[in-house]
Amino acid sequence: FADEAYCIGPAPARESYLNMRAVLSAAAVSGAQAIHPGYG
């Protein structure tokens, strides 16, 4: 659904969705101005 998508790590959440460095790097590379964290 998204206009752009970036893989940020392996399956375990701690190595991907909870990896702050990876999330922020994806934001920087994509030029996103804001991050919506959803819930959890």
PDB file of all heavy atoms in Angstrom:
ATOM      1  N   PHE A   1       0.809  -1.218   0.000  1.00  0.00           N
ATOM      2  CA  PHE A   1       0.000   0.000   0.000  1.00  0.00           C
ATOM      3  C   PHE A   1       0.844   1.270   0.000  1.00  0.00           C
ATOM      4  O   PHE A   1       0.414   2.305  -0.509  1.00  0.00           O
ATOM      5  CB  PHE A   1      -0.911   0.011   1.235  1.00  0.00           C
ATOM      6  CG  PHE A   1      -2.231  -0.681   1.034  1.00  0.00           C
ATOM      7  CD1 PHE A   1      -2.453  -1.507  -0.061  1.00  0.00           C
ATOM      8  CD2 PHE A   1      -3.258  -0.510   1.942  1.00  0.00           C
ATOM      9  CE1 PHE A   1      -3.663  -2.150  -0.245  1.00  0.00           C
ATOM     10  CE2 PHE A   1      -4.490  -1.141   1.767  1.00  0.00           C
ATOM     11  CZ  PHE A   1      -4.681  -1.970   0.674  1.00  0.00           C
ATOM     12  N   ALA A   2       2.028   1.224   0.601  1.00  0.00           N
ATOM     13  CA  ALA A   2       2.822   2.434   0.769  1.00  0.00           C
ATOM     14  C   ALA A   2       3.468   2.880  -0.541  1.00  0.00           C
ATOM     15  O   ALA A   2       3.681   2.089  -1.462  1.00  0.00           O
ATOM     16  CB  ALA A   2       3.902   2.191   1.822  1.00  0.00           C
ATOM     17  N   ASP A   3       3.802   4.158  -0.613  1.00  0.00           N
ATOM     18  CA  ASP A   3       4.485   4.694  -1.791  1.00  0.00           C
ATOM     19  C   ASP A   3       5.926   4.196  -1.860  1.00  0.00           C
ATOM     20  O   ASP A   3       6.476   4.005  -2.944  1.00  0.00           O
ATOM     21  CB  ASP A   3       4.476   6.229  -1.746  1.00  0.00           C
ATOM     22  CG  ASP A   3       3.065   6.795  -1.799  1.00  0.00           C
ATOM     23  OD1 ASP A   3       2.265   6.327  -2.632  1.00  0.00           O
ATOM     24  OD2 ASP A   3       2.753   7.693  -0.986  1.00  0.00           O
ATOM     25  N   GLU A   4       6.554   3.995  -0.685  1.00  0.00           N
ATOM     26  CA  GLU A   4       7.906   3.461  -0.596  1.00  0.00           C
ATOM     27  C   GLU A   4       7.947   2.458   0.547  1.00  0.00           C
ATOM     28  O   GLU A   4       7.174   2.575   1.505  1.00  0.00           O
ATOM     29  CB  GLU A   4       8.927   4.572  -0.290  1.00  0.00           C
ATOM     30  CG  GLU A   4       8.963   5.713  -1.264  1.00  0.00           C
ATOM     31  CD  GLU A   4       9.857   6.841  -0.785  1.00  0.00           C
ATOM     32  OE1 GLU A   4      11.013   6.557  -0.368  1.00  0.00           O
ATOM     33  OE2 GLU A   4       9.412   8.000  -0.796  1.00  0.00           O
ATOM     34  N   ALA A   5       8.836   1.494   0.467  1.00  0.00           N
ATOM     35  CA  ALA A   5       8.965   0.509   1.534  1.00  0.00           C
ATOM     36  C   ALA A   5      10.423   0.106   1.696  1.00  0.00           C
ATOM     37  O   ALA A   5      11.144  -0.068   0.708  1.00  0.00           O
ATOM     38  CB  ALA A   5       8.097  -0.716   1.245  1.00  0.00           C
ATOM     39  N   TYR A   6      10.848  -0.065   2.943  1.00  0.00           N
ATOM     40  CA  TYR A   6      12.233  -0.399   3.258  1.00  0.00           C
ATOM     41  C   TYR A   6      12.281  -1.572   4.240  1.00  0.00           C
ATOM     42  O   TYR A   6      11.629  -1.528   5.290  1.00  0.00           O
ATOM     43  CB  TYR A   6      12.950   0.807   3.882  1.00  0.00           C
ATOM     44  CG  TYR A   6      13.057   1.975   2.942  1.00  0.00           C
ATOM     45  CD1 TYR A   6      12.006   2.891   2.804  1.00  0.00           C
ATOM     46  CD2 TYR A   6      14.200   2.175   2.165  1.00  0.00           C
ATOM     47  CE1 TYR A   6      12.089   3.964   1.940  1.00  0.00           C
ATOM     48  CE2 TYR A   6      14.295   3.253   1.293  1.00  0.00           C
ATOM     49  CZ  TYR A   6      13.235   4.138   1.179  1.00  0.00           C
ATOM     50  OH  TYR A   6      13.321   5.196   0.306  1.00  0.00           O
ATOM     51  N   CYS A   7      13.060  -2.580   3.898  1.00  0.00           N
ATOM     52  CA  CYS A   7      13.278  -3.703   4.806  1.00  0.00           C
ATOM     53  C   CYS A   7      14.263  -3.259   5.881  1.00  0.00           C
ATOM     54  O   CYS A   7      15.338  -2.729   5.569  1.00  0.00           O
ATOM     55  CB  CYS A   7      13.820  -4.917   4.062  1.00  0.00           C
ATOM     56  SG  CYS A   7      14.044  -6.367   5.127  1.00  0.00           S
ATOM     57  N   ILE A   8      13.895  -3.474   7.148  1.00  0.00           N
ATOM     58  CA  ILE A   8      14.742  -2.970   8.237  1.00  0.00           C
ATOM     59  C   ILE A   8      15.301  -4.085   9.126  1.00  0.00           C
ATOM     60  O   ILE A   8      15.860  -3.789  10.183  1.00  0.00           O
ATOM     61  CB  ILE A   8      13.978  -1.950   9.106  1.00  0.00           C
ATOM     62  CG1 ILE A   8      12.668  -2.546   9.629  1.00  0.00           C
ATOM     63  CG2 ILE A   8      13.727  -0.665   8.333  1.00  0.00           C
ATOM     64  CD1 ILE A   8      11.971  -1.667  10.655  1.00  0.00           C
ATOM     65  N   GLY A   9      15.167  -5.361   8.684  1.00  0.00           N
ATOM     66  CA  GLY A   9      15.794  -6.408   9.481  1.00  0.00           C
ATOM     67  C   GLY A   9      15.082  -7.735   9.434  1.00  0.00           C
ATOM     68  O   GLY A   9      14.063  -7.892   8.752  1.00  0.00           O
ATOM     69  N   PRO A  10      15.604  -8.714  10.157  1.00  0.00           N
ATOM     70  CA  PRO A  10      15.016 -10.055  10.202  1.00  0.00           C
ATOM     71  C   PRO A  10      13.661 -10.074  10.899  1.00  0.00           C
ATOM     72  O   PRO A  10      13.197  -9.046  11.420  1.00  0.00           O
ATOM     73  CB  PRO A  10      16.056 -10.862  10.997  1.00  0.00           C
ATOM     74  CG  PRO A  10      17.288 -10.036  10.999  1.00  0.00           C
ATOM     75  CD  PRO A  10      16.845  -8.616  10.926  1.00  0.00           C
ATOM     76  N   ALA A  11      13.050 -11.248  10.950  1.00  0.00           N
ATOM     77  CA  ALA A  11      11.696 -11.408  11.479  1.00  0.00           C
ATOM     78  C   ALA A  11      11.522 -10.953  12.926  1.00  0.00           C
ATOM     79  O   ALA A  11      10.539 -10.264  13.232  1.00  0.00           O
ATOM     80  CB  ALA A  11      11.245 -12.856  11.321  1.00  0.00           C
ATOM     81  N   PRO A  12      12.409 -11.312  13.863  1.00  0.00           N
ATOM     82  CA  PRO A  12      12.175 -10.911  15.253  1.00  0.00           C
ATOM     83  C   PRO A  12      12.007  -9.393  15.386  1.00  0.00           C
ATOM     84  O   PRO A  12      12.790  -8.619  14.824  1.00  0.00           O
ATOM     85  CB  PRO A  12      13.437 -11.396  15.978  1.00  0.00           C
ATOM     86  CG  PRO A  12      13.928 -12.540  15.148  1.00  0.00           C
ATOM     87  CD  PRO A  12      13.635 -12.135  13.728  1.00  0.00           C
ATOM     88  N   ALA A  13      10.983  -8.976  16.126  1.00  0.00           N
ATOM     89  CA  ALA A  13      10.679  -7.545  16.240  1.00  0.00           C
ATOM     90  C   ALA A  13      11.850  -6.751  16.801  1.00  0.00           C
ATOM     91  O   ALA A  13      12.096  -5.611  16.382  1.00  0.00           O
ATOM     92  CB  ALA A  13       9.438  -7.348  17.105  1.00  0.00           C
ATOM     93  N   ARG A  14      12.580  -7.333  17.731  1.00  0.00           N
ATOM     94  CA  ARG A  14      13.709  -6.600  18.334  1.00  0.00           C
ATOM     95  C   ARG A  14      14.796  -6.285  17.311  1.00  0.00           C
ATOM     96  O   ARG A  14      15.594  -5.366  17.519  1.00  0.00           O
ATOM     97  CB  ARG A  14      14.292  -7.385  19.506  1.00  0.00           C
ATOM     98  CG  ARG A  14      14.951  -8.693  19.130  1.00  0.00           C
ATOM     99  CD  ARG A  14      15.516  -9.437  20.333  1.00  0.00           C
ATOM    100  NE  ARG A  14      16.131 -10.702  19.947  1.00  0.00           N
ATOM    101  CZ  ARG A  14      15.476 -11.830  19.753  1.00  0.00           C
ATOM    102  NH1 ARG A  14      14.162 -11.859  19.912  1.00  0.00           N
ATOM    103  NH2 ARG A  14      16.112 -12.936  19.409  1.00  0.00           N
ATOM    104  N   GLU A  15      14.843  -7.054  16.223  1.00  0.00           N
ATOM    105  CA  GLU A  15      15.852  -6.834  15.196  1.00  0.00           C
ATOM    106  C   GLU A  15      15.309  -6.047  14.005  1.00  0.00           C
ATOM    107  O   GLU A  15      16.054  -5.767  13.070  1.00  0.00           O
ATOM    108  CB  GLU A  15      16.405  -8.182  14.711  1.00  0.00           C
ATOM    109  CG  GLU A  15      17.074  -9.000  15.798  1.00  0.00           C
ATOM    110  CD  GLU A  15      17.549 -10.360  15.299  1.00  0.00           C
ATOM    111  OE1 GLU A  15      18.017 -10.436  14.146  1.00  0.00           O
ATOM    112  OE2 GLU A  15      17.427 -11.348  16.045  1.00  0.00           O
ATOM    113  N   SER A  16      14.051  -5.676  14.063  1.00  0.00           N
ATOM    114  CA  SER A  16      13.453  -4.938  12.946  1.00  0.00           C
ATOM    115  C   SER A  16      12.572  -3.799  13.453  1.00  0.00           C
ATOM    116  O   SER A  16      13.029  -2.659  13.565  1.00  0.00           O
ATOM    117  CB  SER A  16      12.658  -5.896  12.042  1.00  0.00           C
ATOM    118  OG  SER A  16      11.743  -6.685  12.802  1.00  0.00           O
ATOM    119  N   TYR A  17      11.339  -4.100  13.812  1.00  0.00           N
ATOM    120  CA  TYR A  17      10.404  -3.039  14.183  1.00  0.00           C
ATOM    121  C   TYR A  17      10.797  -2.296  15.459  1.00  0.00           C
ATOM    122  O   TYR A  17      10.382  -1.153  15.660  1.00  0.00           O
ATOM    123  CB  TYR A  17       8.994  -3.610  14.321  1.00  0.00           C
ATOM    124  CG  TYR A  17       8.446  -4.161  13.023  1.00  0.00           C
ATOM    125  CD1 TYR A  17       8.318  -5.529  12.831  1.00  0.00           C
ATOM    126  CD2 TYR A  17       8.092  -3.303  11.979  1.00  0.00           C
ATOM    127  CE1 TYR A  17       7.831  -6.038  11.635  1.00  0.00           C
ATOM    128  CE2 TYR A  17       7.605  -3.799  10.784  1.00  0.00           C
ATOM    129  CZ  TYR A  17       7.480  -5.168  10.611  1.00  0.00           C
ATOM    130  OH  TYR A  17       7.009  -5.672   9.420  1.00  0.00           O
ATOM    131  N   LEU A  18      11.584  -2.933  16.328  1.00  0.00           N
ATOM    132  CA  LEU A  18      12.050  -2.276  17.547  1.00  0.00           C
ATOM    133  C   LEU A  18      13.476  -1.740  17.405  1.00  0.00           C
ATOM    134  O   LEU A  18      14.037  -1.210  18.371  1.00  0.00           O
ATOM    135  CB  LEU A  18      11.983  -3.251  18.727  1.00  0.00           C
ATOM    136  CG  LEU A  18      10.574  -3.649  19.175  1.00  0.00           C
ATOM    137  CD1 LEU A  18      10.643  -4.737  20.247  1.00  0.00           C
ATOM    138  CD2 LEU A  18       9.804  -2.449  19.699  1.00  0.00           C
ATOM    139  N   ASN A  19      14.040  -1.862  16.216  1.00  0.00           N
ATOM    140  CA  ASN A  19      15.392  -1.378  15.954  1.00  0.00           C
ATOM    141  C   ASN A  19      15.323   0.112  15.612  1.00  0.00           C
ATOM    142  O   ASN A  19      15.060   0.498  14.473  1.00  0.00           O
ATOM    143  CB  ASN A  19      16.007  -2.173  14.800  1.00  0.00           C
ATOM    144  CG  ASN A  19      17.455  -1.818  14.552  1.00  0.00           C
ATOM    145  OD1 ASN A  19      17.903  -0.709  14.850  1.00  0.00           O
ATOM    146  ND2 ASN A  19      18.204  -2.760  13.983  1.00  0.00           N
ATOM    147  N   MET A  20      15.540   0.955  16.605  1.00  0.00           N
ATOM    148  CA  MET A  20      15.389   2.399  16.420  1.00  0.00           C
ATOM    149  C   MET A  20      16.313   2.940  15.330  1.00  0.00           C
ATOM    150  O   MET A  20      15.918   3.796  14.529  1.00  0.00           O
ATOM    151  CB  MET A  20      15.639   3.131  17.738  1.00  0.00           C
ATOM    152  CG  MET A  20      14.695   2.763  18.850  1.00  0.00           C
ATOM    153  SD  MET A  20      15.033   3.750  20.333  1.00  0.00           S
ATOM    154  CE  MET A  20      14.373   2.669  21.599  1.00  0.00           C
ATOM    155  N   ARG A  21      17.551   2.460  15.338  1.00  0.00           N
ATOM    156  CA  ARG A  21      18.512   2.942  14.342  1.00  0.00           C
ATOM    157  C   ARG A  21      18.020   2.639  12.924  1.00  0.00           C
ATOM    158  O   ARG A  21      18.101   3.483  12.031  1.00  0.00           O
ATOM    159  CB  ARG A  21      19.884   2.307  14.584  1.00  0.00           C
ATOM    160  CG  ARG A  21      20.976   2.792  13.633  1.00  0.00           C
ATOM    161  CD  ARG A  21      22.259   2.007  13.850  1.00  0.00           C
ATOM    162  NE  ARG A  21      22.791   2.227  15.170  1.00  0.00           N
ATOM    163  CZ  ARG A  21      23.614   3.224  15.485  1.00  0.00           C
ATOM    164  NH1 ARG A  21      23.981   4.088  14.544  1.00  0.00           N
ATOM    165  NH2 ARG A  21      24.083   3.352  16.705  1.00  0.00           N
ATOM    166  N   ALA A  22      17.483   1.430  12.730  1.00  0.00           N
ATOM    167  CA  ALA A  22      17.015   1.035  11.402  1.00  0.00           C
ATOM    168  C   ALA A  22      15.808   1.861  10.973  1.00  0.00           C
ATOM    169  O   ALA A  22      15.709   2.294   9.819  1.00  0.00           O
ATOM    170  CB  ALA A  22      16.664  -0.452  11.387  1.00  0.00           C
ATOM    171  N   VAL A  23      14.883   2.095  11.903  1.00  0.00           N
ATOM    172  CA  VAL A  23      13.684   2.887  11.585  1.00  0.00           C
ATOM    173  C   VAL A  23      14.072   4.317  11.235  1.00  0.00           C
ATOM    174  O   VAL A  23      13.602   4.891  10.238  1.00  0.00           O
ATOM    175  CB  VAL A  23      12.688   2.865  12.761  1.00  0.00           C
ATOM    176  CG1 VAL A  23      11.531   3.827  12.497  1.00  0.00           C
ATOM    177  CG2 VAL A  23      12.145   1.458  12.990  1.00  0.00           C
ATOM    178  N   LEU A  24      14.942   4.908  12.046  1.00  0.00           N
ATOM    179  CA  LEU A  24      15.355   6.297  11.793  1.00  0.00           C
ATOM    180  C   LEU A  24      16.175   6.400  10.512  1.00  0.00           C
ATOM    181  O   LEU A  24      16.074   7.411   9.782  1.00  0.00           O
ATOM    182  CB  LEU A  24      16.141   6.828  12.981  1.00  0.00           C
ATOM    183  CG  LEU A  24      15.311   7.067  14.255  1.00  0.00           C
ATOM    184  CD1 LEU A  24      16.216   7.319  15.450  1.00  0.00           C
ATOM    185  CD2 LEU A  24      14.349   8.234  14.049  1.00  0.00           C
ATOM    186  N   SER A  25      16.954   5.385  10.205  1.00  0.00           N
ATOM    187  CA  SER A  25      17.715   5.389   8.946  1.00  0.00           C
ATOM    188  C   SER A  25      16.774   5.366   7.750  1.00  0.00           C
ATOM    189  O   SER A  25      16.995   6.075   6.755  1.00  0.00           O
ATOM    190  CB  SER A  25      18.659   4.179   8.897  1.00  0.00           C
ATOM    191  OG  SER A  25      19.648   4.261   9.904  1.00  0.00           O
ATOM    192  N   ALA A  26      15.698   4.557   7.853  1.00  0.00           N
ATOM    193  CA  ALA A  26      14.721   4.511   6.758  1.00  0.00           C
ATOM    194  C   ALA A  26      14.043   5.858   6.587  1.00  0.00           C
ATOM    195  O   ALA A  26      13.785   6.302   5.459  1.00  0.00           O
ATOM    196  CB  ALA A  26      13.685   3.422   7.042  1.00  0.00           C
ATOM    197  N   ALA A  27      13.772   6.529   7.692  1.00  0.00           N
ATOM    198  CA  ALA A  27      13.159   7.855   7.612  1.00  0.00           C
ATOM    199  C   ALA A  27      14.106   8.845   6.941  1.00  0.00           C
ATOM    200  O   ALA A  27      13.690   9.653   6.092  1.00  0.00           O
ATOM    201  CB  ALA A  27      12.781   8.342   9.006  1.00  0.00           C
ATOM    202  N   ALA A  28      15.387   8.775   7.302  1.00  0.00           N
ATOM    203  CA  ALA A  28      16.368   9.700   6.717  1.00  0.00           C
ATOM    204  C   ALA A  28      16.553   9.444   5.227  1.00  0.00           C
ATOM    205  O   ALA A  28      16.576  10.386   4.417  1.00  0.00           O
ATOM    206  CB  ALA A  28      17.699   9.553   7.458  1.00  0.00           C
ATOM    207  N   VAL A  29      16.675   8.173   4.853  1.00  0.00           N
ATOM    208  CA  VAL A  29      16.880   7.829   3.441  1.00  0.00           C
ATOM    209  C   VAL A  29      15.676   8.227   2.593  1.00  0.00           C
ATOM    210  O   VAL A  29      15.824   8.716   1.465  1.00  0.00           O
ATOM    211  CB  VAL A  29      17.164   6.311   3.306  1.00  0.00           C
ATOM    212  CG1 VAL A  29      17.119   5.881   1.843  1.00  0.00           C
ATOM    213  CG2 VAL A  29      18.507   5.967   3.918  1.00  0.00           C
ATOM    214  N   SER A  30      14.476   8.033   3.139  1.00  0.00           N
ATOM    215  CA  SER A  30      13.259   8.321   2.368  1.00  0.00           C
ATOM    216  C   SER A  30      12.889   9.794   2.371  1.00  0.00           C
ATOM    217  O   SER A  30      12.075  10.239   1.550  1.00  0.00           O
ATOM    218  CB  SER A  30      12.091   7.521   2.948  1.00  0.00           C
ATOM    219  OG  SER A  30      11.769   7.964   4.263  1.00  0.00           O
ATOM    220  N   GLY A  31      13.451  10.546   3.304  1.00  0.00           N
ATOM    221  CA  GLY A  31      13.095  11.958   3.410  1.00  0.00           C
ATOM    222  C   GLY A  31      11.783  12.185   4.130  1.00  0.00           C
ATOM    223  O   GLY A  31      11.178  13.258   4.020  1.00  0.00           O
ATOM    224  N   ALA A  32      11.341  11.195   4.918  1.00  0.00           N
ATOM    225  CA  ALA A  32      10.104  11.354   5.687  1.00  0.00           C
ATOM    226  C   ALA A  32      10.285  12.438   6.741  1.00  0.00           C
ATOM    227  O   ALA A  32      11.308  12.489   7.423  1.00  0.00           O
ATOM    228  CB  ALA A  32       9.719  10.026   6.341  1.00  0.00           C
ATOM    229  N   GLN A  33       9.294  13.286   6.874  1.00  0.00           N
ATOM    230  CA  GLN A  33       9.371  14.374   7.850  1.00  0.00           C
ATOM    231  C   GLN A  33       8.824  13.978   9.213  1.00  0.00           C
ATOM    232  O   GLN A  33       9.086  14.651  10.208  1.00  0.00           O
ATOM    233  CB  GLN A  33       8.575  15.582   7.338  1.00  0.00           C
ATOM    234  CG  GLN A  33       9.054  16.110   6.006  1.00  0.00           C
ATOM    235  CD  GLN A  33       7.945  16.887   5.326  1.00  0.00           C
ATOM    236  OE1 GLN A  33       6.929  16.335   4.911  1.00  0.00           O
ATOM    237  NE2 GLN A  33       8.126  18.191   5.235  1.00  0.00           N
ATOM    238  N   ALA A  34       8.035  12.914   9.234  1.00  0.00           N
ATOM    239  CA  ALA A  34       7.388  12.509  10.474  1.00  0.00           C
ATOM    240  C   ALA A  34       7.282  10.993  10.533  1.00  0.00           C
ATOM    241  O   ALA A  34       7.305  10.318   9.504  1.00  0.00           O
ATOM    242  CB  ALA A  34       5.999  13.144  10.586  1.00  0.00           C
ATOM    243  N   ILE A  35       7.155  10.473  11.759  1.00  0.00           N
ATOM    244  CA  ILE A  35       6.980   9.038  11.983  1.00  0.00           C
ATOM    245  C   ILE A  35       5.727   8.814  12.809  1.00  0.00           C
ATOM    246  O   ILE A  35       5.565   9.407  13.887  1.00  0.00           O
ATOM    247  CB  ILE A  35       8.188   8.421  12.711  1.00  0.00           C
ATOM    248  CG1 ILE A  35       9.421   8.442  11.806  1.00  0.00           C
ATOM    249  CG2 ILE A  35       7.880   6.993  13.170  1.00  0.00           C
ATOM    250  CD1 ILE A  35      10.679   7.904  12.475  1.00  0.00           C
ATOM    251  N   HIS A  36       4.826   7.983  12.295  1.00  0.00           N
ATOM    252  CA  HIS A  36       3.658   7.565  13.061  1.00  0.00           C
ATOM    253  C   HIS A  36       3.960   6.172  13.625  1.00  0.00           C
ATOM    254  O   HIS A  36       4.173   5.234  12.861  1.00  0.00           O
ATOM    255  CB  HIS A  36       2.404   7.520  12.187  1.00  0.00           C
ATOM    256  CG  HIS A  36       1.131   7.437  12.984  1.00  0.00           C
ATOM    257  ND1 HIS A  36       0.886   6.415  13.883  1.00  0.00           N
ATOM    258  CD2 HIS A  36       0.038   8.241  13.027  1.00  0.00           C
ATOM    259  CE1 HIS A  36      -0.289   6.606  14.442  1.00  0.00           C
ATOM    260  NE2 HIS A  36      -0.825   7.701  13.945  1.00  0.00           N
ATOM    261  N   PRO A  37       3.955   6.009  14.958  1.00  0.00           N
ATOM    262  CA  PRO A  37       4.357   4.721  15.532  1.00  0.00           C
ATOM    263  C   PRO A  37       3.228   3.708  15.682  1.00  0.00           C
ATOM    264  O   PRO A  37       3.487   2.576  16.101  1.00  0.00           O
ATOM    265  CB  PRO A  37       4.885   5.135  16.905  1.00  0.00           C
ATOM    266  CG  PRO A  37       3.998   6.299  17.285  1.00  0.00           C
ATOM    267  CD  PRO A  37       3.727   7.031  15.997  1.00  0.00           C
ATOM    268  N   GLY A  38       1.967   4.102  15.377  1.00  0.00           N
ATOM    269  CA  GLY A  38       0.860   3.175  15.563  1.00  0.00           C
ATOM    270  C   GLY A  38       0.637   2.891  17.026  1.00  0.00           C
ATOM    271  O   GLY A  38       0.665   3.793  17.868  1.00  0.00           O
ATOM    272  N   TYR A  39       0.416   1.610  17.371  1.00  0.00           N
ATOM    273  CA  TYR A  39       0.336   1.213  18.779  1.00  0.00           C
ATOM    274  C   TYR A  39       1.295   0.048  19.003  1.00  0.00           C
ATOM    275  O   TYR A  39       1.714  -0.636  18.070  1.00  0.00           O
ATOM    276  CB  TYR A  39      -1.090   0.846  19.196  1.00  0.00           C
ATOM    277  CG  TYR A  39      -1.782  -0.183  18.334  1.00  0.00           C
ATOM    278  CD1 TYR A  39      -1.361  -1.510  18.289  1.00  0.00           C
ATOM    279  CD2 TYR A  39      -2.885   0.178  17.560  1.00  0.00           C
ATOM    280  CE1 TYR A  39      -2.004  -2.454  17.497  1.00  0.00           C
ATOM    281  CE2 TYR A  39      -3.535  -0.756  16.761  1.00  0.00           C
ATOM    282  CZ  TYR A  39      -3.096  -2.065  16.749  1.00  0.00           C
ATOM    283  OH  TYR A  39      -3.729  -2.992  15.954  1.00  0.00           O
ATOM    284  N   GLY A  40       1.667  -0.189  20.265  1.00  0.00           N
ATOM    285  CA  GLY A  40       2.666  -1.218  20.545  1.00  0.00           C
ATOM    286  C   GLY A  40       4.032  -0.793  20.023  1.00  0.00           C
ATOM    287  O   GLY A  40       4.272   0.375  19.697  1.00  0.00           O
TER     288      GLY A  40
END
